[in-house]
Amino acid sequence: MIDVIHFYKVRDLDRVRAFYGELLGLSLYKDQGLCLIYDLDSHGKIGFCTHHPENVPASTCITFVYATREDVDACYRSLNERIGPLPTPSYNTRFGIYHFFAKDFEGLTVEFQTFL
């Protein structure tokens, strides 16, 4: 079995905990001091580290894929109430998705989507 961890450079791990742990409810897999790694169930892991190189591409986007449009809407309502206002979810016919974007507390772009 192969597992995947995608790592992102951040400045403040407390802000990461607040967004990914508290707001999104992801389970902390491992706290390595300089890195926090969250479990994405059977879909791999996502890590945030304070020691990675400074050159993070501006186009970096973390995308969470949900099963249904209703799941995306529920996530939108929850986040919009807690950190809003957020842009309303929309259909993207070019890519066949329904989605919305937010910024995490470190300024990374996070997309929440479902495939149509």
PDB file of N, CA and C in Angstrom:
ATOM      1  N   MET A   1       0.842  -1.187   0.000  1.00  0.00           N
ATOM      2  CA  MET A   1       0.000   0.000   0.000  1.00  0.00           C
ATOM      3  C   MET A   1       0.880   1.242   0.000  1.00  0.00           C
ATOM      4  N   ILE A   2       0.498   2.215  -0.773  1.00  0.00           N
ATOM      5  CA  ILE A   2       1.206   3.488  -0.809  1.00  0.00           C
ATOM      6  C   ILE A   2       0.266   4.568  -0.299  1.00  0.00           C
ATOM      7  N   ASP A   3       0.758   5.402   0.579  1.00  0.00           N
ATOM      8  CA  ASP A   3      -0.007   6.532   1.085  1.00  0.00           C
ATOM      9  C   ASP A   3       0.652   7.808   0.575  1.00  0.00           C
ATOM     10  N   VAL A   4      -0.087   8.880   0.493  1.00  0.00           N
ATOM     11  CA  VAL A   4       0.422  10.146  -0.014  1.00  0.00           C
ATOM     12  C   VAL A   4       0.251  11.223   1.047  1.00  0.00           C
ATOM     13  N   ILE A   5       1.300  12.057   1.215  1.00  0.00           N
ATOM     14  CA  ILE A   5       1.200  13.249   2.058  1.00  0.00           C
ATOM     15  C   ILE A   5       1.597  14.432   1.185  1.00  0.00           C
ATOM     16  N   HIS A   6       0.742  15.412   1.110  1.00  0.00           N
ATOM     17  CA  HIS A   6       1.076  16.665   0.433  1.00  0.00           C
ATOM     18  C   HIS A   6       1.436  17.676   1.509  1.00  0.00           C
ATOM     19  N   PHE A   7       2.628  18.296   1.391  1.00  0.00           N
ATOM     20  CA  PHE A   7       3.108  19.241   2.393  1.00  0.00           C
ATOM     21  C   PHE A   7       3.015  20.672   1.877  1.00  0.00           C
ATOM     22  N   TYR A   8       2.677  21.574   2.787  1.00  0.00           N
ATOM     23  CA  TYR A   8       2.570  22.993   2.473  1.00  0.00           C
ATOM     24  C   TYR A   8       3.349  23.798   3.508  1.00  0.00           C
ATOM     25  N   LYS A   9       4.024  24.825   3.047  1.00  0.00           N
ATOM     26  CA  LYS A   9       4.787  25.734   3.898  1.00  0.00           C
ATOM     27  C   LYS A   9       3.834  26.697   4.580  1.00  0.00           C
ATOM     28  N   VAL A  10       3.965  26.826   5.890  1.00  0.00           N
ATOM     29  CA  VAL A  10       3.166  27.783   6.664  1.00  0.00           C
ATOM     30  C   VAL A  10       4.062  28.487   7.677  1.00  0.00           C
ATOM     31  N   ARG A  11       3.553  29.551   8.253  1.00  0.00           N
ATOM     32  CA  ARG A  11       4.296  30.295   9.269  1.00  0.00           C
ATOM     33  C   ARG A  11       3.848  29.963  10.693  1.00  0.00           C
ATOM     34  N   ASP A  12       2.570  29.630  10.871  1.00  0.00           N
ATOM     35  CA  ASP A  12       1.996  29.520  12.207  1.00  0.00           C
ATOM     36  C   ASP A  12       1.158  28.243  12.328  1.00  0.00           C
ATOM     37  N   LEU A  13       1.664  27.258  13.046  1.00  0.00           N
ATOM     38  CA  LEU A  13       0.963  25.986  13.188  1.00  0.00           C
ATOM     39  C   LEU A  13      -0.303  26.105  14.039  1.00  0.00           C
ATOM     40  N   ASP A  14      -0.373  27.088  14.923  1.00  0.00           N
ATOM     41  CA  ASP A  14      -1.603  27.290  15.697  1.00  0.00           C
ATOM     42  C   ASP A  14      -2.748  27.695  14.777  1.00  0.00           C
ATOM     43  N   ARG A  15      -2.450  28.499  13.780  1.00  0.00           N
ATOM     44  CA  ARG A  15      -3.478  28.895  12.809  1.00  0.00           C
ATOM     45  C   ARG A  15      -3.893  27.705  11.951  1.00  0.00           C
ATOM     46  N   VAL A  16      -2.950  26.830  11.652  1.00  0.00           N
ATOM     47  CA  VAL A  16      -3.259  25.599  10.915  1.00  0.00           C
ATOM     48  C   VAL A  16      -4.206  24.738  11.743  1.00  0.00           C
ATOM     49  N   ARG A  17      -3.888  24.553  13.029  1.00  0.00           N
ATOM     50  CA  ARG A  17      -4.767  23.775  13.927  1.00  0.00           C
ATOM     51  C   ARG A  17      -6.175  24.356  13.955  1.00  0.00           C
ATOM     52  N   ALA A  18      -6.267  25.679  14.029  1.00  0.00           N
ATOM     53  CA  ALA A  18      -7.575  26.334  14.113  1.00  0.00           C
ATOM     54  C   ALA A  18      -8.397  26.094  12.849  1.00  0.00           C
ATOM     55  N   PHE A  19      -7.767  26.162  11.680  1.00  0.00           N
ATOM     56  CA  PHE A  19      -8.523  26.017  10.434  1.00  0.00           C
ATOM     57  C   PHE A  19      -8.796  24.551  10.104  1.00  0.00           C
ATOM     58  N   TYR A  20      -7.752  23.741  10.014  1.00  0.00           N
ATOM     59  CA  TYR A  20      -7.910  22.362   9.549  1.00  0.00           C
ATOM     60  C   TYR A  20      -8.421  21.427  10.640  1.00  0.00           C
ATOM     61  N   GLY A  21      -7.982  21.636  11.873  1.00  0.00           N
ATOM     62  CA  GLY A  21      -8.444  20.792  12.967  1.00  0.00           C
ATOM     63  C   GLY A  21      -9.802  21.204  13.498  1.00  0.00           C
ATOM     64  N   GLU A  22      -9.938  22.497  13.840  1.00  0.00           N
ATOM     65  CA  GLU A  22     -11.176  22.952  14.464  1.00  0.00           C
ATOM     66  C   GLU A  22     -12.279  23.239  13.450  1.00  0.00           C
ATOM     67  N   LEU A  23     -12.013  24.036  12.417  1.00  0.00           N
ATOM     68  CA  LEU A  23     -13.063  24.388  11.457  1.00  0.00           C
ATOM     69  C   LEU A  23     -13.441  23.225  10.546  1.00  0.00           C
ATOM     70  N   LEU A  24     -12.445  22.549   9.970  1.00  0.00           N
ATOM     71  CA  LEU A  24     -12.747  21.460   9.044  1.00  0.00           C
ATOM     72  C   LEU A  24     -12.889  20.113   9.730  1.00  0.00           C
ATOM     73  N   GLY A  25     -12.423  20.001  10.967  1.00  0.00           N
ATOM     74  CA  GLY A  25     -12.586  18.761  11.724  1.00  0.00           C
ATOM     75  C   GLY A  25     -11.710  17.612  11.275  1.00  0.00           C
ATOM     76  N   LEU A  26     -10.562  17.922  10.650  1.00  0.00           N
ATOM     77  CA  LEU A  26      -9.653  16.851  10.250  1.00  0.00           C
ATOM     78  C   LEU A  26      -8.947  16.275  11.477  1.00  0.00           C
ATOM     79  N   SER A  27      -8.670  14.991  11.427  1.00  0.00           N
ATOM     80  CA  SER A  27      -7.995  14.317  12.546  1.00  0.00           C
ATOM     81  C   SER A  27      -6.484  14.493  12.418  1.00  0.00           C
ATOM     82  N   LEU A  28      -5.859  14.919  13.514  1.00  0.00           N
ATOM     83  CA  LEU A  28      -4.409  15.066  13.532  1.00  0.00           C
ATOM     84  C   LEU A  28      -3.779  13.680  13.550  1.00  0.00           C
ATOM     85  N   TYR A  29      -2.973  13.390  12.546  1.00  0.00           N
ATOM     86  CA  TYR A  29      -2.296  12.102  12.437  1.00  0.00           C
ATOM     87  C   TYR A  29      -0.988  12.124  13.218  1.00  0.00           C
ATOM     88  N   LYS A  30      -0.219  13.212  13.051  1.00  0.00           N
ATOM     89  CA  LYS A  30       1.075  13.285  13.719  1.00  0.00           C
ATOM     90  C   LYS A  30       1.484  14.742  13.904  1.00  0.00           C
ATOM     91  N   ASP A  31       1.938  15.059  15.103  1.00  0.00           N
ATOM     92  CA  ASP A  31       2.522  16.371  15.405  1.00  0.00           C
ATOM     93  C   ASP A  31       4.018  16.156  15.523  1.00  0.00           C
ATOM     94  N   GLN A  32       4.775  16.669  14.562  1.00  0.00           N
ATOM     95  CA  GLN A  32       6.223  16.487  14.545  1.00  0.00           C
ATOM     96  C   GLN A  32       6.958  17.721  15.055  1.00  0.00           C
ATOM     97  N   GLY A  33       6.251  18.601  15.722  1.00  0.00           N
ATOM     98  CA  GLY A  33       6.877  19.812  16.230  1.00  0.00           C
ATOM     99  C   GLY A  33       6.914  20.909  15.184  1.00  0.00           C
ATOM    100  N   LEU A  34       7.640  20.687  14.087  1.00  0.00           N
ATOM    101  CA  LEU A  34       7.704  21.661  12.993  1.00  0.00           C
ATOM    102  C   LEU A  34       6.676  21.376  11.915  1.00  0.00           C
ATOM    103  N   CYS A  35       5.997  20.240  12.010  1.00  0.00           N
ATOM    104  CA  CYS A  35       4.993  19.838  11.023  1.00  0.00           C
ATOM    105  C   CYS A  35       3.769  19.252  11.731  1.00  0.00           C
ATOM    106  N   LEU A  36       2.606  19.570  11.186  1.00  0.00           N
ATOM    107  CA  LEU A  36       1.368  18.920  11.589  1.00  0.00           C
ATOM    108  C   LEU A  36       0.865  18.146  10.383  1.00  0.00           C
ATOM    109  N   ILE A  37       0.541  16.871  10.593  1.00  0.00           N
ATOM    110  CA  ILE A  37       0.039  16.041   9.502  1.00  0.00           C
ATOM    111  C   ILE A  37      -1.367  15.586   9.870  1.00  0.00           C
ATOM    112  N   TYR A  38      -2.315  15.870   8.962  1.00  0.00           N
ATOM    113  CA  TYR A  38      -3.716  15.510   9.173  1.00  0.00           C
ATOM    114  C   TYR A  38      -4.087  14.328   8.281  1.00  0.00           C
ATOM    115  N   ASP A  39      -4.931  13.462   8.812  1.00  0.00           N
ATOM    116  CA  ASP A  39      -5.387  12.283   8.094  1.00  0.00           C
ATOM    117  C   ASP A  39      -6.603  12.648   7.247  1.00  0.00           C
ATOM    118  N   LEU A  40      -6.617  12.179   6.021  1.00  0.00           N
ATOM    119  CA  LEU A  40      -7.751  12.383   5.127  1.00  0.00           C
ATOM    120  C   LEU A  40      -8.447  11.049   4.890  1.00  0.00           C
ATOM    121  N   ASP A  41      -8.671  10.310   5.960  1.00  0.00           N
ATOM    122  CA  ASP A  41      -9.268   8.975   5.921  1.00  0.00           C
ATOM    123  C   ASP A  41      -8.452   8.096   4.981  1.00  0.00           C
ATOM    124  N   SER A  42      -9.073   7.470   4.025  1.00  0.00           N
ATOM    125  CA  SER A  42      -8.341   6.566   3.126  1.00  0.00           C
ATOM    126  C   SER A  42      -7.816   7.294   1.896  1.00  0.00           C
ATOM    127  N   HIS A  43      -7.795   8.627   1.940  1.00  0.00           N
ATOM    128  CA  HIS A  43      -7.387   9.423   0.783  1.00  0.00           C
ATOM    129  C   HIS A  43      -6.018  10.061   0.945  1.00  0.00           C
ATOM    130  N   GLY A  44      -5.244   9.623   1.900  1.00  0.00           N
ATOM    131  CA  GLY A  44      -3.916  10.176   2.102  1.00  0.00           C
ATOM    132  C   GLY A  44      -3.872  11.125   3.288  1.00  0.00           C
ATOM    133  N   LYS A  45      -2.871  11.984   3.257  1.00  0.00           N
ATOM    134  CA  LYS A  45      -2.658  12.904   4.366  1.00  0.00           C
ATOM    135  C   LYS A  45      -2.243  14.257   3.809  1.00  0.00           C
ATOM    136  N   ILE A  46      -2.394  15.278   4.643  1.00  0.00           N
ATOM    137  CA  ILE A  46      -1.987  16.622   4.272  1.00  0.00           C
ATOM    138  C   ILE A  46      -1.155  17.179   5.418  1.00  0.00           C
ATOM    139  N   GLY A  47       0.017  17.731   5.091  1.00  0.00           N
ATOM    140  CA  GLY A  47       0.931  18.210   6.111  1.00  0.00           C
ATOM    141  C   GLY A  47       1.248  19.683   5.937  1.00  0.00           C
ATOM    142  N   PHE A  48       1.492  20.325   7.053  1.00  0.00           N
ATOM    143  CA  PHE A  48       1.828  21.749   7.079  1.00  0.00           C
ATOM    144  C   PHE A  48       3.083  21.917   7.917  1.00  0.00           C
ATOM    145  N   CYS A  49       4.102  22.535   7.341  1.00  0.00           N
ATOM    146  CA  CYS A  49       5.402  22.627   8.000  1.00  0.00           C
ATOM    147  C   CYS A  49       5.918  24.060   8.016  1.00  0.00           C
ATOM    148  N   THR A  50       6.646  24.378   9.072  1.00  0.00           N
ATOM    149  CA  THR A  50       7.231  25.718   9.189  1.00  0.00           C
ATOM    150  C   THR A  50       8.661  25.773   8.682  1.00  0.00           C
ATOM    151  N   HIS A  51       9.229  24.647   8.265  1.00  0.00           N
ATOM    152  CA  HIS A  51      10.642  24.633   7.878  1.00  0.00           C
ATOM    153  C   HIS A  51      10.876  24.455   6.378  1.00  0.00           C
ATOM    154  N   HIS A  52       9.851  24.339   5.576  1.00  0.00           N
ATOM    155  CA  HIS A  52      10.014  24.167   4.127  1.00  0.00           C
ATOM    156  C   HIS A  52      10.546  25.448   3.495  1.00  0.00           C
ATOM    157  N   PRO A  53      11.055  25.353   2.270  1.00  0.00           N
ATOM    158  CA  PRO A  53      11.558  26.553   1.581  1.00  0.00           C
ATOM    159  C   PRO A  53      10.491  27.634   1.480  1.00  0.00           C
ATOM    160  N   GLU A  54      10.930  28.857   1.433  1.00  0.00           N
ATOM    161  CA  GLU A  54      10.022  30.003   1.400  1.00  0.00           C
ATOM    162  C   GLU A  54       9.264  30.141   0.093  1.00  0.00           C
ATOM    163  N   ASN A  55       9.758  29.565  -0.986  1.00  0.00           N
ATOM    164  CA  ASN A  55       9.180  29.793  -2.301  1.00  0.00           C
ATOM    165  C   ASN A  55       7.972  28.894  -2.558  1.00  0.00           C
ATOM    166  N   VAL A  56       6.832  29.262  -2.018  1.00  0.00           N
ATOM    167  CA  VAL A  56       5.601  28.528  -2.278  1.00  0.00           C
ATOM    168  C   VAL A  56       4.940  29.171  -3.494  1.00  0.00           C
ATOM    169  N   PRO A  57       4.610  28.380  -4.520  1.00  0.00           N
ATOM    170  CA  PRO A  57       3.981  28.977  -5.702  1.00  0.00           C
ATOM    171  C   PRO A  57       2.660  29.656  -5.353  1.00  0.00           C
ATOM    172  N   ALA A  58       2.406  30.802  -5.974  1.00  0.00           N
ATOM    173  CA  ALA A  58       1.166  31.534  -5.725  1.00  0.00           C
ATOM    174  C   ALA A  58      -0.049  30.729  -6.173  1.00  0.00           C
ATOM    175  N   SER A  59       0.159  29.774  -7.061  1.00  0.00           N
ATOM    176  CA  SER A  59      -0.961  28.995  -7.588  1.00  0.00           C
ATOM    177  C   SER A  59      -1.306  27.784  -6.721  1.00  0.00           C
ATOM    178  N   THR A  60      -0.636  27.613  -5.597  1.00  0.00           N
ATOM    179  CA  THR A  60      -0.931  26.485  -4.720  1.00  0.00           C
ATOM    180  C   THR A  60      -2.393  26.519  -4.301  1.00  0.00           C
ATOM    181  N   CYS A  61      -3.063  25.381  -4.456  1.00  0.00           N
ATOM    182  CA  CYS A  61      -4.470  25.271  -4.075  1.00  0.00           C
ATOM    183  C   CYS A  61      -4.694  23.885  -3.496  1.00  0.00           C
ATOM    184  N   ILE A  62      -5.285  23.835  -2.317  1.00  0.00           N
ATOM    185  CA  ILE A  62      -5.652  22.573  -1.689  1.00  0.00           C
ATOM    186  C   ILE A  62      -7.115  22.340  -2.034  1.00  0.00           C
ATOM    187  N   THR A  63      -7.433  21.191  -2.616  1.00  0.00           N
ATOM    188  CA  THR A  63      -8.812  20.904  -3.005  1.00  0.00           C
ATOM    189  C   THR A  63      -9.334  19.699  -2.243  1.00  0.00           C
ATOM    190  N   PHE A  64     -10.485  19.896  -1.605  1.00  0.00           N
ATOM    191  CA  PHE A  64     -11.192  18.812  -0.936  1.00  0.00           C
ATOM    192  C   PHE A  64     -12.372  18.436  -1.827  1.00  0.00           C
ATOM    193  N   VAL A  65     -12.456  17.159  -2.192  1.00  0.00           N
ATOM    194  CA  VAL A  65     -13.505  16.683  -3.086  1.00  0.00           C
ATOM    195  C   VAL A  65     -14.578  15.987  -2.254  1.00  0.00           C
ATOM    196  N   TYR A  66     -15.808  16.436  -2.419  1.00  0.00           N
ATOM    197  CA  TYR A  66     -16.952  15.887  -1.698  1.00  0.00           C
ATOM    198  C   TYR A  66     -17.779  15.015  -2.630  1.00  0.00           C
ATOM    199  N   ALA A  67     -18.627  14.168  -2.060  1.00  0.00           N
ATOM    200  CA  ALA A  67     -19.422  13.229  -2.842  1.00  0.00           C
ATOM    201  C   ALA A  67     -20.554  13.921  -3.606  1.00  0.00           C
ATOM    202  N   THR A  68     -21.170  14.935  -2.997  1.00  0.00           N
ATOM    203  CA  THR A  68     -22.355  15.536  -3.615  1.00  0.00           C
ATOM    204  C   THR A  68     -22.336  17.054  -3.510  1.00  0.00           C
ATOM    205  N   ARG A  69     -23.202  17.669  -4.292  1.00  0.00           N
ATOM    206  CA  ARG A  69     -23.380  19.117  -4.226  1.00  0.00           C
ATOM    207  C   ARG A  69     -23.885  19.520  -2.828  1.00  0.00           C
ATOM    208  N   GLU A  70     -24.750  18.711  -2.261  1.00  0.00           N
ATOM    209  CA  GLU A  70     -25.287  18.998  -0.926  1.00  0.00           C
ATOM    210  C   GLU A  70     -24.171  19.037   0.123  1.00  0.00           C
ATOM    211  N   ASP A  71     -23.180  18.161  -0.031  1.00  0.00           N
ATOM    212  CA  ASP A  71     -22.033  18.158   0.883  1.00  0.00           C
ATOM    213  C   ASP A  71     -21.230  19.458   0.751  1.00  0.00           C
ATOM    214  N   VAL A  72     -21.029  19.914  -0.481  1.00  0.00           N
ATOM    215  CA  VAL A  72     -20.325  21.181  -0.710  1.00  0.00           C
ATOM    216  C   VAL A  72     -21.121  22.328  -0.092  1.00  0.00           C
ATOM    217  N   ASP A  73     -22.436  22.318  -0.295  1.00  0.00           N
ATOM    218  CA  ASP A  73     -23.277  23.378   0.265  1.00  0.00           C
ATOM    219  C   ASP A  73     -23.241  23.384   1.788  1.00  0.00           C
ATOM    220  N   ALA A  74     -23.232  22.202   2.401  1.00  0.00           N
ATOM    221  CA  ALA A  74     -23.173  22.116   3.869  1.00  0.00           C
ATOM    222  C   ALA A  74     -21.838  22.663   4.374  1.00  0.00           C
ATOM    223  N   CYS A  75     -20.748  22.322   3.692  1.00  0.00           N
ATOM    224  CA  CYS A  75     -19.433  22.843   4.059  1.00  0.00           C
ATOM    225  C   CYS A  75     -19.422  24.365   3.908  1.00  0.00           C
ATOM    226  N   TYR A  76     -19.985  24.850   2.809  1.00  0.00           N
ATOM    227  CA  TYR A  76     -20.052  26.296   2.570  1.00  0.00           C
ATOM    228  C   TYR A  76     -20.807  27.005   3.702  1.00  0.00           C
ATOM    229  N   ARG A  77     -21.968  26.495   4.062  1.00  0.00           N
ATOM    230  CA  ARG A  77     -22.758  27.128   5.124  1.00  0.00           C
ATOM    231  C   ARG A  77     -21.972  27.172   6.438  1.00  0.00           C
ATOM    232  N   SER A  78     -21.331  26.064   6.774  1.00  0.00           N
ATOM    233  CA  SER A  78     -20.565  26.000   8.016  1.00  0.00           C
ATOM    234  C   SER A  78     -19.407  27.003   8.016  1.00  0.00           C
ATOM    235  N   LEU A  79     -18.615  26.998   6.940  1.00  0.00           N
ATOM    236  CA  LEU A  79     -17.473  27.918   6.878  1.00  0.00           C
ATOM    237  C   LEU A  79     -17.922  29.371   6.761  1.00  0.00           C
ATOM    238  N   ASN A  80     -18.953  29.615   5.982  1.00  0.00           N
ATOM    239  CA  ASN A  80     -19.433  30.986   5.801  1.00  0.00           C
ATOM    240  C   ASN A  80     -19.912  31.576   7.126  1.00  0.00           C
ATOM    241  N   GLU A  81     -20.556  30.762   7.960  1.00  0.00           N
ATOM    242  CA  GLU A  81     -21.002  31.220   9.281  1.00  0.00           C
ATOM    243  C   GLU A  81     -19.824  31.509  10.200  1.00  0.00           C
ATOM    244  N   ARG A  82     -18.744  30.734  10.051  1.00  0.00           N
ATOM    245  CA  ARG A  82     -17.637  30.830  10.993  1.00  0.00           C
ATOM    246  C   ARG A  82     -16.531  31.779  10.543  1.00  0.00           C
ATOM    247  N   ILE A  83     -16.273  31.875   9.227  1.00  0.00           N
ATOM    248  CA  ILE A  83     -15.182  32.743   8.767  1.00  0.00           C
ATOM    249  C   ILE A  83     -15.601  33.666   7.638  1.00  0.00           C
ATOM    250  N   GLY A  84     -16.870  33.596   7.203  1.00  0.00           N
ATOM    251  CA  GLY A  84     -17.378  34.312   6.030  1.00  0.00           C
ATOM    252  C   GLY A  84     -17.108  35.799   6.068  1.00  0.00           C
ATOM    253  N   PRO A  85     -17.550  36.512   5.077  1.00  0.00           N
ATOM    254  CA  PRO A  85     -18.323  36.004   3.944  1.00  0.00           C
ATOM    255  C   PRO A  85     -17.424  35.368   2.894  1.00  0.00           C
ATOM    256  N   LEU A  86     -17.948  34.321   2.280  1.00  0.00           N
ATOM    257  CA  LEU A  86     -17.232  33.599   1.232  1.00  0.00           C
ATOM    258  C   LEU A  86     -17.998  33.726  -0.085  1.00  0.00           C
ATOM    259  N   PRO A  87     -17.287  33.622  -1.209  1.00  0.00           N
ATOM    260  CA  PRO A  87     -17.984  33.599  -2.499  1.00  0.00           C
ATOM    261  C   PRO A  87     -18.925  32.395  -2.564  1.00  0.00           C
ATOM    262  N   THR A  88     -20.102  32.602  -3.099  1.00  0.00           N
ATOM    263  CA  THR A  88     -21.117  31.559  -3.203  1.00  0.00           C
ATOM    264  C   THR A  88     -20.637  30.418  -4.097  1.00  0.00           C
ATOM    265  N   PRO A  89     -20.939  29.166  -3.740  1.00  0.00           N
ATOM    266  CA  PRO A  89     -20.592  28.052  -4.621  1.00  0.00           C
ATOM    267  C   PRO A  89     -21.199  28.243  -6.007  1.00  0.00           C
ATOM    268  N   SER A  90     -20.482  27.747  -7.008  1.00  0.00           N
ATOM    269  CA  SER A  90     -20.959  27.909  -8.382  1.00  0.00           C
ATOM    270  C   SER A  90     -20.591  26.695  -9.216  1.00  0.00           C
ATOM    271  N   TYR A  91     -21.234  26.620 -10.376  1.00  0.00           N
ATOM    272  CA  TYR A  91     -20.942  25.565 -11.331  1.00  0.00           C
ATOM    273  C   TYR A  91     -19.834  26.035 -12.258  1.00  0.00           C
ATOM    274  N   ASN A  92     -18.915  25.138 -12.537  1.00  0.00           N
ATOM    275  CA  ASN A  92     -17.863  25.404 -13.509  1.00  0.00           C
ATOM    276  C   ASN A  92     -18.041  24.360 -14.613  1.00  0.00           C
ATOM    277  N   THR A  93     -18.695  24.775 -15.705  1.00  0.00           N
ATOM    278  CA  THR A  93     -19.004  23.826 -16.776  1.00  0.00           C
ATOM    279  C   THR A  93     -17.756  23.385 -17.529  1.00  0.00           C
ATOM    280  N   ARG A  94     -16.747  24.224 -17.546  1.00  0.00           N
ATOM    281  CA  ARG A  94     -15.506  23.857 -18.242  1.00  0.00           C
ATOM    282  C   ARG A  94     -14.890  22.593 -17.643  1.00  0.00           C
ATOM    283  N   PHE A  95     -14.912  22.502 -16.304  1.00  0.00           N
ATOM    284  CA  PHE A  95     -14.310  21.354 -15.633  1.00  0.00           C
ATOM    285  C   PHE A  95     -15.338  20.368 -15.080  1.00  0.00           C
ATOM    286  N   GLY A  96     -16.620  20.683 -15.231  1.00  0.00           N
ATOM    287  CA  GLY A  96     -17.660  19.778 -14.751  1.00  0.00           C
ATOM    288  C   GLY A  96     -17.670  19.619 -13.247  1.00  0.00           C
ATOM    289  N   ILE A  97     -17.573  20.758 -12.550  1.00  0.00           N
ATOM    290  CA  ILE A  97     -17.550  20.728 -11.079  1.00  0.00           C
ATOM    291  C   ILE A  97     -18.501  21.776 -10.513  1.00  0.00           C
ATOM    292  N   TYR A  98     -18.819  21.608  -9.247  1.00  0.00           N
ATOM    293  CA  TYR A  98     -19.544  22.583  -8.446  1.00  0.00           C
ATOM    294  C   TYR A  98     -18.612  22.882  -7.285  1.00  0.00           C
ATOM    295  N   HIS A  99     -18.309  24.180  -7.019  1.00  0.00           N
ATOM    296  CA  HIS A  99     -17.240  24.465  -6.055  1.00  0.00           C
ATOM    297  C   HIS A  99     -17.331  25.880  -5.482  1.00  0.00           C
ATOM    298  N   PHE A 100     -16.507  26.076  -4.440  1.00  0.00           N
ATOM    299  CA  PHE A 100     -16.244  27.410  -3.911  1.00  0.00           C
ATOM    300  C   PHE A 100     -14.831  27.426  -3.347  1.00  0.00           C
ATOM    301  N   PHE A 101     -14.329  28.631  -3.173  1.00  0.00           N
ATOM    302  CA  PHE A 101     -12.970  28.822  -2.659  1.00  0.00           C
ATOM    303  C   PHE A 101     -13.005  29.585  -1.347  1.00  0.00           C
ATOM    304  N   ALA A 102     -11.995  29.336  -0.520  1.00  0.00           N
ATOM    305  CA  ALA A 102     -11.776  30.086   0.716  1.00  0.00           C
ATOM    306  C   ALA A 102     -10.260  30.227   0.879  1.00  0.00           C
ATOM    307  N   LYS A 103      -9.862  31.062   1.789  1.00  0.00           N
ATOM    308  CA  LYS A 103      -8.454  31.164   2.187  1.00  0.00           C
ATOM    309  C   LYS A 103      -8.341  30.601   3.593  1.00  0.00           C
ATOM    310  N   ASP A 104      -7.309  29.776   3.824  1.00  0.00           N
ATOM    311  CA  ASP A 104      -7.099  29.316   5.190  1.00  0.00           C
ATOM    312  C   ASP A 104      -6.450  30.444   5.989  1.00  0.00           C
ATOM    313  N   PHE A 105      -6.191  30.223   7.249  1.00  0.00           N
ATOM    314  CA  PHE A 105      -5.667  31.280   8.112  1.00  0.00           C
ATOM    315  C   PHE A 105      -4.223  31.640   7.800  1.00  0.00           C
ATOM    316  N   GLU A 106      -3.580  30.869   6.928  1.00  0.00           N
ATOM    317  CA  GLU A 106      -2.215  31.155   6.486  1.00  0.00           C
ATOM    318  C   GLU A 106      -2.208  31.807   5.106  1.00  0.00           C
ATOM    319  N   GLY A 107      -3.383  31.968   4.497  1.00  0.00           N
ATOM    320  CA  GLY A 107      -3.481  32.594   3.187  1.00  0.00           C
ATOM    321  C   GLY A 107      -3.456  31.636   2.014  1.00  0.00           C
ATOM    322  N   LEU A 108      -3.400  30.322   2.273  1.00  0.00           N
ATOM    323  CA  LEU A 108      -3.438  29.344   1.188  1.00  0.00           C
ATOM    324  C   LEU A 108      -4.860  29.246   0.639  1.00  0.00           C
ATOM    325  N   THR A 109      -4.990  29.079  -0.677  1.00  0.00           N
ATOM    326  CA  THR A 109      -6.289  28.896  -1.301  1.00  0.00           C
ATOM    327  C   THR A 109      -6.752  27.468  -1.077  1.00  0.00           C
ATOM    328  N   VAL A 110      -8.006  27.338  -0.643  1.00  0.00           N
ATOM    329  CA  VAL A 110      -8.606  26.031  -0.408  1.00  0.00           C
ATOM    330  C   VAL A 110      -9.892  25.969  -1.223  1.00  0.00           C
ATOM    331  N   GLU A 111     -10.018  24.919  -2.017  1.00  0.00           N
ATOM    332  CA  GLU A 111     -11.207  24.724  -2.845  1.00  0.00           C
ATOM    333  C   GLU A 111     -12.002  23.548  -2.289  1.00  0.00           C
ATOM    334  N   PHE A 112     -13.317  23.698  -2.312  1.00  0.00           N
ATOM    335  CA  PHE A 112     -14.241  22.648  -1.880  1.00  0.00           C
ATOM    336  C   PHE A 112     -15.122  22.347  -3.075  1.00  0.00           C
ATOM    337  N   GLN A 113     -15.095  21.108  -3.574  1.00  0.00           N
ATOM    338  CA  GLN A 113     -15.782  20.825  -4.832  1.00  0.00           C
ATOM    339  C   GLN A 113     -16.395  19.450  -4.865  1.00  0.00           C
ATOM    340  N   THR A 114     -17.278  19.255  -5.846  1.00  0.00           N
ATOM    341  CA  THR A 114     -17.766  17.937  -6.220  1.00  0.00           C
ATOM    342  C   THR A 114     -17.766  17.862  -7.727  1.00  0.00           C
ATOM    343  N   PHE A 115     -17.536  16.665  -8.246  1.00  0.00           N
ATOM    344  CA  PHE A 115     -17.608  16.461  -9.685  1.00  0.00           C
ATOM    345  C   PHE A 115     -19.069  16.254 -10.081  1.00  0.00           C
ATOM    346  N   LEU A 116     -19.452  16.811 -11.200  1.00  0.00           N
ATOM    347  CA  LEU A 116     -20.830  16.678 -11.675  1.00  0.00           C
ATOM    348  C   LEU A 116     -20.989  15.440 -12.542  1.00  0.00           C
TER     349      LEU A 116
END
